[in-house]
């Protein structure tokens, strides 16, 4: 899951070396939180107009997690 998120984000940004993902432990609700970090100049590219790209990233990641019987949440920092 972490590798998929990194691959998606690196395809969107100008500086792929700045893309990092931190993974939190599963919380009480059974949700794993992924924190996506990109360079400040690339935040707009990852979020997109009105958050459309961020929403698409979250949709793809949730679909993948559902196949693996996981619950995830993506935070873009």
N, C-alpha and C. Protein backbone atom coordinates (compact mmCIF):
# COMPACT_ATOMS: atom_id res chain seq x y z
N UNK A 1 0.82 -1.19 0.00
CA UNK A 1 0.00 0.00 0.00
C UNK A 1 0.87 1.26 0.00
N UNK A 2 1.87 1.26 0.84
CA UNK A 2 2.75 2.42 0.92
C UNK A 2 3.45 2.66 -0.41
N UNK A 3 3.90 1.59 -1.06
CA UNK A 3 4.60 1.71 -2.34
C UNK A 3 3.67 2.26 -3.42
N UNK A 4 2.40 1.83 -3.40
CA UNK A 4 1.43 2.32 -4.38
C UNK A 4 1.22 3.82 -4.21
N UNK A 5 1.07 4.27 -2.99
CA UNK A 5 0.88 5.70 -2.72
C UNK A 5 2.09 6.51 -3.17
N UNK A 6 3.28 6.01 -2.91
CA UNK A 6 4.50 6.70 -3.33
C UNK A 6 4.57 6.77 -4.85
N UNK A 7 4.26 5.68 -5.52
CA UNK A 7 4.31 5.64 -6.99
C UNK A 7 3.32 6.63 -7.60
N UNK A 8 2.11 6.68 -7.07
CA UNK A 8 1.10 7.62 -7.58
C UNK A 8 1.58 9.05 -7.39
N UNK A 9 2.06 9.38 -6.19
CA UNK A 9 2.47 10.75 -5.88
C UNK A 9 3.69 11.16 -6.70
N UNK A 10 4.65 10.26 -6.90
CA UNK A 10 5.84 10.61 -7.66
C UNK A 10 5.51 10.91 -9.11
N UNK A 11 4.47 10.32 -9.63
CA UNK A 11 4.06 10.60 -11.00
C UNK A 11 3.43 11.97 -11.17
N UNK A 12 3.02 12.58 -10.08
CA UNK A 12 2.33 13.87 -10.14
C UNK A 12 3.23 15.08 -9.88
N UNK A 13 4.30 14.88 -9.15
CA UNK A 13 5.10 16.02 -8.67
C UNK A 13 6.30 16.30 -9.56
N UNK A 14 6.87 17.52 -9.38
CA UNK A 14 8.08 17.91 -10.10
C UNK A 14 9.34 17.34 -9.45
N UNK A 15 9.29 17.15 -8.13
CA UNK A 15 10.46 16.66 -7.38
C UNK A 15 10.13 15.34 -6.68
N UNK A 16 10.24 14.21 -7.40
CA UNK A 16 9.86 12.91 -6.81
C UNK A 16 10.71 12.51 -5.61
N UNK A 17 11.90 13.07 -5.47
CA UNK A 17 12.75 12.69 -4.34
C UNK A 17 12.20 13.20 -3.00
N UNK A 18 11.32 14.18 -3.04
CA UNK A 18 10.74 14.76 -1.82
C UNK A 18 9.50 14.01 -1.33
N UNK A 19 9.04 13.01 -2.08
CA UNK A 19 7.83 12.28 -1.70
C UNK A 19 8.17 11.25 -0.63
N UNK A 20 7.50 11.36 0.52
CA UNK A 20 7.66 10.37 1.58
C UNK A 20 6.28 10.02 2.14
N UNK A 21 6.19 8.83 2.71
CA UNK A 21 4.95 8.37 3.32
C UNK A 21 5.26 7.80 4.69
N UNK A 22 4.53 8.26 5.69
CA UNK A 22 4.63 7.71 7.04
C UNK A 22 3.34 6.94 7.32
N UNK A 23 3.48 5.79 7.97
CA UNK A 23 2.32 4.95 8.26
C UNK A 23 2.14 4.86 9.77
N UNK A 24 0.94 5.22 10.24
CA UNK A 24 0.62 5.09 11.66
C UNK A 24 0.15 3.67 11.95
N UNK A 25 0.20 3.32 13.19
CA UNK A 25 -0.33 2.02 13.63
C UNK A 25 -1.85 2.03 13.48
N UNK A 26 -2.43 0.86 13.42
CA UNK A 26 -3.89 0.73 13.32
C UNK A 26 -4.52 1.30 14.60
N UNK A 27 -5.50 2.20 14.44
CA UNK A 27 -6.12 2.83 15.60
C UNK A 27 -7.28 1.98 16.14
N UNK A 28 -8.03 2.51 17.09
CA UNK A 28 -9.09 1.76 17.75
C UNK A 28 -10.21 1.34 16.79
N UNK A 29 -10.44 2.13 15.74
CA UNK A 29 -11.48 1.80 14.77
C UNK A 29 -10.99 0.83 13.70
N UNK A 30 -9.72 0.45 13.76
CA UNK A 30 -9.17 -0.47 12.77
C UNK A 30 -8.70 0.22 11.50
N UNK A 31 -8.44 1.52 11.58
CA UNK A 31 -8.04 2.31 10.41
C UNK A 31 -6.54 2.59 10.47
N UNK A 32 -5.86 2.38 9.36
CA UNK A 32 -4.45 2.72 9.23
C UNK A 32 -4.36 4.06 8.52
N UNK A 33 -3.62 5.00 9.10
CA UNK A 33 -3.49 6.34 8.52
C UNK A 33 -2.14 6.45 7.81
N UNK A 34 -2.21 6.87 6.54
CA UNK A 34 -1.01 7.11 5.74
C UNK A 34 -0.84 8.62 5.59
N UNK A 35 0.35 9.13 5.94
CA UNK A 35 0.65 10.55 5.82
C UNK A 35 1.56 10.75 4.61
N UNK A 36 1.05 11.43 3.59
CA UNK A 36 1.81 11.71 2.38
C UNK A 36 2.45 13.08 2.51
N UNK A 37 3.77 13.13 2.36
CA UNK A 37 4.51 14.39 2.43
C UNK A 37 5.15 14.66 1.07
N UNK A 38 4.95 15.87 0.55
CA UNK A 38 5.57 16.29 -0.70
C UNK A 38 6.20 17.67 -0.49
N UNK A 39 6.99 18.11 -1.45
CA UNK A 39 7.61 19.43 -1.37
C UNK A 39 6.50 20.50 -1.37
N UNK A 40 6.72 21.61 -0.67
CA UNK A 40 5.69 22.66 -0.62
C UNK A 40 5.25 23.16 -2.00
N UNK A 41 6.18 23.21 -2.94
CA UNK A 41 5.82 23.67 -4.29
C UNK A 41 4.93 22.68 -5.03
N UNK A 42 4.93 21.42 -4.60
CA UNK A 42 4.15 20.39 -5.28
C UNK A 42 2.80 20.11 -4.62
N UNK A 43 2.47 20.79 -3.54
CA UNK A 43 1.20 20.54 -2.85
C UNK A 43 0.01 20.76 -3.77
N UNK A 44 0.06 21.80 -4.57
CA UNK A 44 -1.05 22.09 -5.48
C UNK A 44 -1.25 20.99 -6.51
N UNK A 45 -0.17 20.40 -6.95
CA UNK A 45 -0.26 19.32 -7.94
C UNK A 45 -0.91 18.07 -7.34
N UNK A 46 -0.63 17.80 -6.09
CA UNK A 46 -1.17 16.60 -5.45
C UNK A 46 -2.63 16.81 -5.03
N UNK A 47 -2.97 18.01 -4.63
CA UNK A 47 -4.34 18.29 -4.20
C UNK A 47 -5.24 18.54 -5.40
N UNK A 48 -4.78 19.32 -6.36
CA UNK A 48 -5.57 19.59 -7.55
C UNK A 48 -6.64 20.64 -7.32
N UNK A 49 -7.30 21.04 -8.39
CA UNK A 49 -8.37 22.03 -8.29
C UNK A 49 -9.52 21.45 -7.50
N UNK A 50 -9.93 22.17 -6.48
CA UNK A 50 -11.03 21.78 -5.60
C UNK A 50 -10.82 20.39 -4.99
N UNK A 51 -9.57 19.96 -4.88
CA UNK A 51 -9.24 18.69 -4.24
C UNK A 51 -9.55 17.45 -5.07
N UNK A 52 -9.71 17.63 -6.36
CA UNK A 52 -10.10 16.50 -7.21
C UNK A 52 -9.03 15.42 -7.28
N UNK A 53 -7.78 15.80 -7.40
CA UNK A 53 -6.70 14.80 -7.50
C UNK A 53 -6.55 14.08 -6.16
N UNK A 54 -6.61 14.82 -5.06
CA UNK A 54 -6.52 14.20 -3.73
C UNK A 54 -7.66 13.21 -3.54
N UNK A 55 -8.85 13.57 -3.98
CA UNK A 55 -10.00 12.68 -3.85
C UNK A 55 -9.79 11.42 -4.69
N UNK A 56 -9.24 11.58 -5.89
CA UNK A 56 -8.98 10.42 -6.75
C UNK A 56 -7.92 9.50 -6.13
N UNK A 57 -6.89 10.08 -5.55
CA UNK A 57 -5.86 9.27 -4.88
C UNK A 57 -6.49 8.48 -3.74
N UNK A 58 -7.31 9.14 -2.94
CA UNK A 58 -7.96 8.46 -1.82
C UNK A 58 -8.89 7.34 -2.31
N UNK A 59 -9.59 7.56 -3.41
CA UNK A 59 -10.49 6.55 -3.96
C UNK A 59 -9.72 5.31 -4.41
N UNK A 60 -8.64 5.51 -5.12
CA UNK A 60 -7.82 4.39 -5.59
C UNK A 60 -7.24 3.62 -4.41
N UNK A 61 -6.75 4.35 -3.42
CA UNK A 61 -6.14 3.70 -2.27
C UNK A 61 -7.18 2.93 -1.45
N UNK A 62 -8.40 3.50 -1.29
CA UNK A 62 -9.45 2.79 -0.56
C UNK A 62 -9.89 1.53 -1.28
N UNK A 63 -9.96 1.60 -2.62
CA UNK A 63 -10.34 0.43 -3.40
C UNK A 63 -9.31 -0.69 -3.22
N UNK A 64 -8.05 -0.33 -3.23
CA UNK A 64 -6.99 -1.32 -3.02
C UNK A 64 -7.06 -1.89 -1.61
N UNK A 65 -7.30 -1.03 -0.63
CA UNK A 65 -7.38 -1.48 0.76
C UNK A 65 -8.57 -2.42 0.96
N UNK A 66 -9.68 -2.14 0.30
CA UNK A 66 -10.86 -2.98 0.43
C UNK A 66 -10.58 -4.39 -0.07
N UNK A 67 -9.81 -4.49 -1.14
CA UNK A 67 -9.43 -5.82 -1.65
C UNK A 67 -8.60 -6.60 -0.65
N UNK A 68 -7.85 -5.88 0.18
CA UNK A 68 -6.99 -6.52 1.19
C UNK A 68 -7.65 -6.57 2.57
N UNK A 69 -8.96 -6.27 2.63
CA UNK A 69 -9.71 -6.23 3.89
C UNK A 69 -9.08 -5.31 4.91
N UNK A 70 -8.70 -4.12 4.47
CA UNK A 70 -8.12 -3.12 5.35
C UNK A 70 -8.97 -1.85 5.29
N UNK A 71 -8.83 -1.02 6.30
CA UNK A 71 -9.44 0.31 6.30
C UNK A 71 -8.30 1.31 6.39
N UNK A 72 -8.28 2.28 5.47
CA UNK A 72 -7.19 3.26 5.47
C UNK A 72 -7.74 4.67 5.36
N UNK A 73 -6.87 5.62 5.67
CA UNK A 73 -7.18 7.03 5.51
C UNK A 73 -5.89 7.70 5.03
N UNK A 74 -6.01 8.59 4.06
CA UNK A 74 -4.84 9.27 3.50
C UNK A 74 -4.85 10.72 3.96
N UNK A 75 -3.79 11.16 4.59
CA UNK A 75 -3.61 12.55 4.98
C UNK A 75 -2.50 13.13 4.12
N UNK A 76 -2.76 14.28 3.50
CA UNK A 76 -1.74 14.93 2.68
C UNK A 76 -1.18 16.10 3.48
N UNK A 77 0.11 16.00 3.82
CA UNK A 77 0.75 17.03 4.65
C UNK A 77 1.76 17.80 3.81
